[in-house]
Amino acid sequence: MGDHFKTDIDQLAAFTESLEHVRTALQHVRSDQIGTAELDEACDTFQERWKYGNEQIRERIGKLTEGLQKNTDNYREVETSLEEGFKRAAAAGK
């Protein structure tokens, strides 16, 4: 089973950092930048209604980010320990 499981630690860290950027990608777009008055009004209405859901997503992303960061740290620790162990074993075998 372990033969098929691989983790790219740098990719995991990059994913963790990108979560918040994805959530807020359109947050800074103003309705008057989008198009017609009807579309602008619809966007404003959506933003008002979306506040609660956005907060819920923010909380969940925060928890997910914490978990991913812990996993990333754990993978790095295991990788470092394995590397040190192999170096000690190689040095002892000389």
N, C-alpha and C. Protein backbone atom coordinates (compact mmCIF):
# COMPACT_ATOMS: atom_id res chain seq x y z
N MET A 1 0.82 -1.19 0.00
CA MET A 1 0.00 0.00 0.00
C MET A 1 0.86 1.25 0.00
N GLY A 2 1.92 1.27 0.78
CA GLY A 2 2.79 2.43 0.86
C GLY A 2 3.52 2.72 -0.43
N ASP A 3 3.62 1.71 -1.31
CA ASP A 3 4.31 1.90 -2.58
C ASP A 3 3.57 2.87 -3.49
N HIS A 4 2.28 3.03 -3.29
CA HIS A 4 1.47 3.85 -4.18
C HIS A 4 1.13 5.21 -3.58
N PHE A 5 1.50 5.45 -2.36
CA PHE A 5 1.17 6.71 -1.69
C PHE A 5 2.39 7.60 -1.68
N LYS A 6 2.26 8.76 -2.33
CA LYS A 6 3.37 9.71 -2.38
C LYS A 6 2.83 11.09 -2.05
N THR A 7 3.60 11.87 -1.33
CA THR A 7 3.20 13.22 -0.98
C THR A 7 4.30 14.19 -1.38
N ASP A 8 3.94 15.16 -2.17
CA ASP A 8 4.86 16.24 -2.53
C ASP A 8 4.67 17.33 -1.48
N ILE A 9 5.60 17.46 -0.58
CA ILE A 9 5.47 18.37 0.55
C ILE A 9 5.35 19.82 0.08
N ASP A 10 6.12 20.18 -0.92
CA ASP A 10 6.06 21.56 -1.41
C ASP A 10 4.70 21.87 -2.03
N GLN A 11 4.13 20.89 -2.74
CA GLN A 11 2.80 21.08 -3.32
C GLN A 11 1.74 21.19 -2.22
N LEU A 12 1.89 20.39 -1.18
CA LEU A 12 0.96 20.45 -0.07
C LEU A 12 1.01 21.81 0.61
N ALA A 13 2.21 22.33 0.80
CA ALA A 13 2.36 23.66 1.40
C ALA A 13 1.77 24.74 0.49
N ALA A 14 2.00 24.62 -0.81
CA ALA A 14 1.45 25.61 -1.76
C ALA A 14 -0.07 25.56 -1.76
N PHE A 15 -0.64 24.37 -1.68
CA PHE A 15 -2.10 24.23 -1.63
C PHE A 15 -2.64 24.91 -0.38
N THR A 16 -1.98 24.70 0.74
CA THR A 16 -2.40 25.31 1.99
C THR A 16 -2.44 26.82 1.87
N GLU A 17 -1.41 27.40 1.27
CA GLU A 17 -1.35 28.85 1.12
C GLU A 17 -2.40 29.38 0.15
N SER A 18 -2.77 28.58 -0.84
CA SER A 18 -3.69 29.06 -1.87
C SER A 18 -5.15 29.04 -1.44
N LEU A 19 -5.49 28.31 -0.38
CA LEU A 19 -6.89 28.19 0.02
C LEU A 19 -7.55 29.54 0.28
N GLU A 20 -6.91 30.37 1.04
CA GLU A 20 -7.48 31.67 1.36
C GLU A 20 -7.54 32.57 0.13
N HIS A 21 -6.56 32.47 -0.74
CA HIS A 21 -6.56 33.28 -1.96
C HIS A 21 -7.74 32.91 -2.85
N VAL A 22 -8.04 31.63 -2.92
CA VAL A 22 -9.16 31.19 -3.74
C VAL A 22 -10.48 31.72 -3.18
N ARG A 23 -10.63 31.65 -1.87
CA ARG A 23 -11.87 32.09 -1.24
C ARG A 23 -12.12 33.57 -1.47
N THR A 24 -11.09 34.37 -1.49
CA THR A 24 -11.26 35.82 -1.58
C THR A 24 -11.00 36.37 -2.98
N ALA A 25 -10.90 35.52 -3.97
CA ALA A 25 -10.50 35.95 -5.32
C ALA A 25 -11.37 37.07 -5.88
N LEU A 26 -12.66 37.00 -5.70
CA LEU A 26 -13.54 38.01 -6.28
C LEU A 26 -14.05 39.02 -5.25
N GLN A 27 -13.56 38.92 -4.05
CA GLN A 27 -14.05 39.79 -2.98
C GLN A 27 -13.77 41.27 -3.25
N HIS A 28 -12.72 41.57 -3.98
CA HIS A 28 -12.32 42.95 -4.19
C HIS A 28 -12.90 43.55 -5.47
N VAL A 29 -13.65 42.74 -6.21
CA VAL A 29 -14.28 43.24 -7.42
C VAL A 29 -15.55 43.99 -7.01
N ARG A 30 -15.66 45.22 -7.46
CA ARG A 30 -16.85 46.01 -7.15
C ARG A 30 -17.91 45.77 -8.21
N SER A 31 -19.14 45.87 -7.79
CA SER A 31 -20.23 45.60 -8.73
C SER A 31 -20.21 46.56 -9.91
N ASP A 32 -19.76 47.78 -9.70
CA ASP A 32 -19.77 48.74 -10.81
C ASP A 32 -18.69 48.45 -11.85
N GLN A 33 -17.89 47.43 -11.60
CA GLN A 33 -16.86 47.04 -12.55
C GLN A 33 -17.32 45.89 -13.46
N ILE A 34 -18.50 45.37 -13.21
CA ILE A 34 -18.91 44.15 -13.88
C ILE A 34 -19.71 44.42 -15.15
N GLY A 35 -20.73 45.28 -15.09
CA GLY A 35 -21.51 45.46 -16.31
C GLY A 35 -22.73 46.32 -16.13
N THR A 36 -23.86 45.79 -16.54
CA THR A 36 -25.11 46.54 -16.54
C THR A 36 -25.60 46.83 -15.13
N ALA A 37 -26.54 47.77 -15.02
CA ALA A 37 -27.10 48.12 -13.71
C ALA A 37 -27.79 46.91 -13.08
N GLU A 38 -28.49 46.13 -13.88
CA GLU A 38 -29.16 44.94 -13.34
C GLU A 38 -28.15 43.94 -12.80
N LEU A 39 -27.09 43.73 -13.54
CA LEU A 39 -26.05 42.80 -13.10
C LEU A 39 -25.36 43.34 -11.85
N ASP A 40 -25.09 44.64 -11.83
CA ASP A 40 -24.48 45.25 -10.65
C ASP A 40 -25.35 45.06 -9.41
N GLU A 41 -26.66 45.28 -9.57
CA GLU A 41 -27.58 45.12 -8.45
C GLU A 41 -27.63 43.66 -7.98
N ALA A 42 -27.65 42.75 -8.94
CA ALA A 42 -27.66 41.32 -8.60
C ALA A 42 -26.38 40.94 -7.84
N CYS A 43 -25.26 41.48 -8.26
CA CYS A 43 -24.00 41.19 -7.59
C CYS A 43 -23.98 41.75 -6.17
N ASP A 44 -24.50 42.96 -6.01
CA ASP A 44 -24.57 43.56 -4.67
C ASP A 44 -25.46 42.71 -3.76
N THR A 45 -26.59 42.28 -4.28
CA THR A 45 -27.51 41.45 -3.50
C THR A 45 -26.84 40.14 -3.12
N PHE A 46 -26.16 39.55 -4.08
CA PHE A 46 -25.45 38.31 -3.80
C PHE A 46 -24.41 38.49 -2.70
N GLN A 47 -23.63 39.55 -2.78
CA GLN A 47 -22.59 39.80 -1.77
C GLN A 47 -23.21 39.93 -0.38
N GLU A 48 -24.33 40.60 -0.27
CA GLU A 48 -25.00 40.74 1.02
C GLU A 48 -25.46 39.40 1.56
N ARG A 49 -26.06 38.60 0.70
CA ARG A 49 -26.57 37.30 1.12
C ARG A 49 -25.44 36.31 1.38
N TRP A 50 -24.34 36.51 0.75
CA TRP A 50 -23.22 35.57 0.80
C TRP A 50 -22.36 35.74 2.05
N LYS A 51 -22.52 36.83 2.79
CA LYS A 51 -21.65 37.10 3.94
C LYS A 51 -21.61 35.93 4.92
N TYR A 52 -22.77 35.38 5.29
CA TYR A 52 -22.80 34.29 6.25
C TYR A 52 -22.07 33.06 5.71
N GLY A 53 -22.37 32.67 4.49
CA GLY A 53 -21.71 31.52 3.89
C GLY A 53 -20.21 31.73 3.77
N ASN A 54 -19.83 32.94 3.43
CA ASN A 54 -18.42 33.27 3.31
C ASN A 54 -17.70 33.11 4.65
N GLU A 55 -18.33 33.53 5.72
CA GLU A 55 -17.75 33.37 7.06
C GLU A 55 -17.61 31.90 7.42
N GLN A 56 -18.63 31.12 7.08
CA GLN A 56 -18.57 29.68 7.35
C GLN A 56 -17.42 29.03 6.58
N ILE A 57 -17.27 29.42 5.33
CA ILE A 57 -16.17 28.88 4.53
C ILE A 57 -14.83 29.32 5.11
N ARG A 58 -14.73 30.57 5.56
CA ARG A 58 -13.49 31.07 6.15
C ARG A 58 -13.10 30.23 7.36
N GLU A 59 -14.07 29.93 8.22
CA GLU A 59 -13.78 29.11 9.40
C GLU A 59 -13.30 27.72 9.01
N ARG A 60 -13.98 27.13 8.06
CA ARG A 60 -13.62 25.77 7.64
C ARG A 60 -12.26 25.75 6.95
N ILE A 61 -11.99 26.76 6.15
CA ILE A 61 -10.68 26.84 5.50
C ILE A 61 -9.59 27.02 6.55
N GLY A 62 -9.88 27.80 7.58
CA GLY A 62 -8.90 27.97 8.66
C GLY A 62 -8.57 26.64 9.33
N LYS A 63 -9.59 25.85 9.61
CA LYS A 63 -9.36 24.54 10.22
C LYS A 63 -8.62 23.60 9.27
N LEU A 64 -9.02 23.62 8.01
CA LEU A 64 -8.36 22.79 7.01
C LEU A 64 -6.90 23.21 6.86
N THR A 65 -6.65 24.51 6.85
CA THR A 65 -5.29 25.01 6.72
C THR A 65 -4.43 24.57 7.90
N GLU A 66 -4.98 24.64 9.10
CA GLU A 66 -4.24 24.18 10.28
C GLU A 66 -3.88 22.70 10.14
N GLY A 67 -4.84 21.89 9.74
CA GLY A 67 -4.58 20.46 9.58
C GLY A 67 -3.56 20.19 8.50
N LEU A 68 -3.67 20.89 7.38
CA LEU A 68 -2.70 20.71 6.30
C LEU A 68 -1.31 21.14 6.73
N GLN A 69 -1.23 22.22 7.50
CA GLN A 69 0.07 22.68 7.97
C GLN A 69 0.70 21.65 8.91
N LYS A 70 -0.11 21.07 9.79
CA LYS A 70 0.40 20.02 10.68
C LYS A 70 0.89 18.82 9.87
N ASN A 71 0.09 18.43 8.86
CA ASN A 71 0.52 17.31 8.01
C ASN A 71 1.81 17.62 7.29
N THR A 72 1.91 18.84 6.75
CA THR A 72 3.13 19.24 6.06
C THR A 72 4.32 19.19 7.00
N ASP A 73 4.16 19.72 8.21
CA ASP A 73 5.24 19.69 9.20
C ASP A 73 5.62 18.25 9.55
N ASN A 74 4.61 17.39 9.70
CA ASN A 74 4.88 15.99 10.02
C ASN A 74 5.63 15.29 8.89
N TYR A 75 5.21 15.53 7.65
CA TYR A 75 5.92 14.94 6.52
C TYR A 75 7.37 15.41 6.47
N ARG A 76 7.58 16.69 6.69
CA ARG A 76 8.96 17.21 6.69
C ARG A 76 9.78 16.55 7.79
N GLU A 77 9.19 16.40 8.96
CA GLU A 77 9.90 15.78 10.09
C GLU A 77 10.26 14.33 9.77
N VAL A 78 9.31 13.59 9.21
CA VAL A 78 9.58 12.19 8.85
C VAL A 78 10.66 12.13 7.77
N GLU A 79 10.56 12.99 6.78
CA GLU A 79 11.54 13.01 5.70
C GLU A 79 12.95 13.31 6.24
N THR A 80 13.03 14.29 7.14
CA THR A 80 14.32 14.65 7.73
C THR A 80 14.86 13.50 8.57
N SER A 81 14.00 12.88 9.36
CA SER A 81 14.44 11.75 10.21
C SER A 81 14.93 10.59 9.36
N LEU A 82 14.22 10.29 8.29
CA LEU A 82 14.66 9.20 7.41
C LEU A 82 16.01 9.52 6.78
N GLU A 83 16.16 10.75 6.32
CA GLU A 83 17.42 11.15 5.71
C GLU A 83 18.57 11.02 6.70
N GLU A 84 18.37 11.49 7.91
CA GLU A 84 19.41 11.38 8.94
C GLU A 84 19.70 9.92 9.28
N GLY A 85 18.65 9.11 9.34
CA GLY A 85 18.85 7.68 9.61
C GLY A 85 19.65 6.99 8.53
N PHE A 86 19.36 7.30 7.27
CA PHE A 86 20.11 6.71 6.17
C PHE A 86 21.57 7.17 6.19
N LYS A 87 21.79 8.42 6.52
CA LYS A 87 23.17 8.92 6.60
C LYS A 87 23.95 8.22 7.71
N ARG A 88 23.29 8.04 8.88
CA ARG A 88 23.95 7.34 9.99
C ARG A 88 24.25 5.89 9.61
N ALA A 89 23.30 5.25 8.94
CA ALA A 89 23.48 3.84 8.54
C ALA A 89 24.62 3.73 7.52
N ALA A 90 24.67 4.70 6.59
CA ALA A 90 25.75 4.67 5.59
C ALA A 90 27.09 4.91 6.25
N ALA A 91 27.15 5.83 7.19
CA ALA A 91 28.40 6.12 7.89
C ALA A 91 28.85 4.92 8.72
N ALA A 92 27.92 4.23 9.34
CA ALA A 92 28.24 3.06 10.16
C ALA A 92 28.71 1.89 9.32
N GLY A 93 28.25 1.83 8.07
CA GLY A 93 28.62 0.73 7.18
C GLY A 93 29.97 0.89 6.54
N LYS A 94 30.61 2.02 6.69
CA LYS A 94 31.92 2.27 6.06
C LYS A 94 33.03 1.63 6.82
